[in-house]
C-alpha atoms as a PDB file:
ATOM      1  CA  MET A   1      24.516  34.724  -7.811  1.00  0.00           C
ATOM      2  CA  SER A   2      21.891  32.392  -9.291  1.00  0.00           C
ATOM      3  CA  TRP A   3      18.636  31.364  -7.709  1.00  0.00           C
ATOM      4  CA  TRP A   4      20.077  27.883  -7.067  1.00  0.00           C
ATOM      5  CA  ASP A   5      22.869  29.301  -4.939  1.00  0.00           C
ATOM      6  CA  ALA A   6      20.258  31.013  -2.781  1.00  0.00           C
ATOM      7  CA  LEU A   7      17.949  28.005  -2.633  1.00  0.00           C
ATOM      8  CA  TRP A   8      20.550  25.288  -1.978  1.00  0.00           C
ATOM      9  CA  PRO A   9      21.129  26.061   1.737  1.00  0.00           C
ATOM     10  CA  VAL A  10      17.383  25.866   2.381  1.00  0.00           C
ATOM     11  CA  VAL A  11      17.089  22.542   0.574  1.00  0.00           C
ATOM     12  CA  ALA A  12      20.152  21.182   2.352  1.00  0.00           C
ATOM     13  CA  ALA A  13      18.653  22.179   5.704  1.00  0.00           C
ATOM     14  CA  LEU A  14      15.319  20.470   4.959  1.00  0.00           C
ATOM     15  CA  ILE A  15      16.674  17.159   3.618  1.00  0.00           C
ATOM     16  CA  PRO A  16      17.512  15.654   7.068  1.00  0.00           C
ATOM     17  CA  SER A  17      14.107  16.615   8.439  1.00  0.00           C
ATOM     18  CA  ALA A  18      12.351  15.134   5.430  1.00  0.00           C
ATOM     19  CA  GLY A  19      14.409  11.948   5.790  1.00  0.00           C
ATOM     20  CA  LEU A  20      13.517  11.605   9.460  1.00  0.00           C
ATOM     21  CA  GLY A  21       9.881  12.308   8.663  1.00  0.00           C
ATOM     22  CA  TYR A  22       9.880   9.525   6.087  1.00  0.00           C
ATOM     23  CA  LEU A  23      11.628   7.151   8.498  1.00  0.00           C
ATOM     24  CA  PHE A  24       9.041   7.957  11.188  1.00  0.00           C
ATOM     25  CA  TYR A  25       6.243   7.295   8.682  1.00  0.00           C
ATOM     26  CA  VAL A  26       7.670   3.888   7.717  1.00  0.00           C
ATOM     27  CA  VAL A  27       8.226   2.824  11.333  1.00  0.00           C
ATOM     28  CA  MET A  28       4.753   3.909  12.443  1.00  0.00           C
ATOM     29  CA  LYS A  29       3.180   2.187   9.449  1.00  0.00           C
ATOM     30  CA  HIS A  30       4.858  -1.077  10.454  1.00  0.00           C
ATOM     31  CA  VAL A  31       3.919  -0.637  14.118  1.00  0.00           C
ATOM     32  CA  LEU A  32       0.265  -0.088  13.244  1.00  0.00           C
ATOM     33  CA  GLU A  33       0.248  -3.042  10.861  1.00  0.00           C
ATOM     34  CA  ALA A  34       1.762  -5.276  13.546  1.00  0.00           C
ATOM     35  CA  ASP A  35      -0.840  -4.069  16.049  1.00  0.00           C
ATOM     36  CA  ARG A  36      -3.630  -4.815  13.581  1.00  0.00           C
ATOM     37  CA  ARG A  37      -2.313  -8.334  12.998  1.00  0.00           C
ATOM     38  CA  GLU A  38      -1.858  -8.949  16.713  1.00  0.00           C
ATOM     39  CA  ARG A  39      -5.423  -7.868  17.432  1.00  0.00           C
ATOM     40  CA  ALA A  40      -6.726 -10.145  14.672  1.00  0.00           C
ATOM     41  CA  ALA A  41      -4.740 -13.094  16.029  1.00  0.00           C
ATOM     42  CA  LEU A  42      -5.958 -12.407  19.553  1.00  0.00           C
ATOM     43  CA  ARG A  43      -9.565 -12.169  18.350  1.00  0.00           C
ATOM     44  CA  GLU A  44      -9.192 -15.477  16.500  1.00  0.00           C
ATOM     45  CA  TRP A  45      -7.661 -17.137  19.566  1.00  0.00           C
ATOM     46  CA  GLU A  46     -10.456 -15.833  21.814  1.00  0.00           C
ATOM     47  CA  GLN A  47     -13.074 -17.182  19.401  1.00  0.00           C
ATOM     48  CA  GLN A  48     -11.331 -20.551  19.348  1.00  0.00           C
ATOM     49  CA  VAL A  49     -11.254 -20.689  23.154  1.00  0.00           C
ATOM     50  CA  ALA A  50     -14.927 -19.700  23.295  1.00  0.00           C
ATOM     51  CA  ARG A  51     -15.844 -22.489  20.863  1.00  0.00           C
ATOM     52  CA  GLU A  52     -13.869 -25.026  22.884  1.00  0.00           C
ATOM     53  CA  THR A  53     -15.499 -23.996  26.166  1.00  0.00           C
ATOM     54  CA  GLU A  54     -18.961 -24.234  24.587  1.00  0.00           C
ATOM     55  CA  LYS A  55     -18.228 -27.866  23.689  1.00  0.00           C
ATOM     56  CA  GLY A  56     -17.527 -28.656  27.304  1.00  0.00           C
ATOM     57  CA  PRO A  57     -14.413 -29.861  29.062  1.00  0.00           C
ATOM     58  CA  ARG A  58     -12.214 -32.190  27.080  1.00  0.00           C
ATOM     59  CA  LYS A  59     -11.017 -35.386  28.619  1.00  0.00           C
ATOM     60  CA  ASP A  60      -7.266 -35.586  28.899  1.00  0.00           C
ATOM     61  CA  PRO A  61      -6.160 -38.984  27.547  1.00  0.00           C
ATOM     62  CA  GLN A  62      -3.134 -38.940  29.876  1.00  0.00           C
ATOM     63  CA  SER A  63      -5.141 -38.579  33.087  1.00  0.00           C
ATOM     64  CA  PRO A  64      -6.358 -41.678  34.915  1.00  0.00           C
ATOM     65  CA  GLY A  65     -10.021 -42.139  35.329  1.00  0.00           C
END
């Protein structure tokens, strides 16, 4: 019996776990990247709203008056 015959069952048992570990890594990487982009967009929106409120209320051209 060669060393490969003894090692193969161990490798075969670890391949699914390694695959799931890699899949988890990829999914979490994308989740964290999406969270980072969402926070940046929210920060930009909040800064835009703050700038608009500092300018004062805008007149709505549709409203009478």
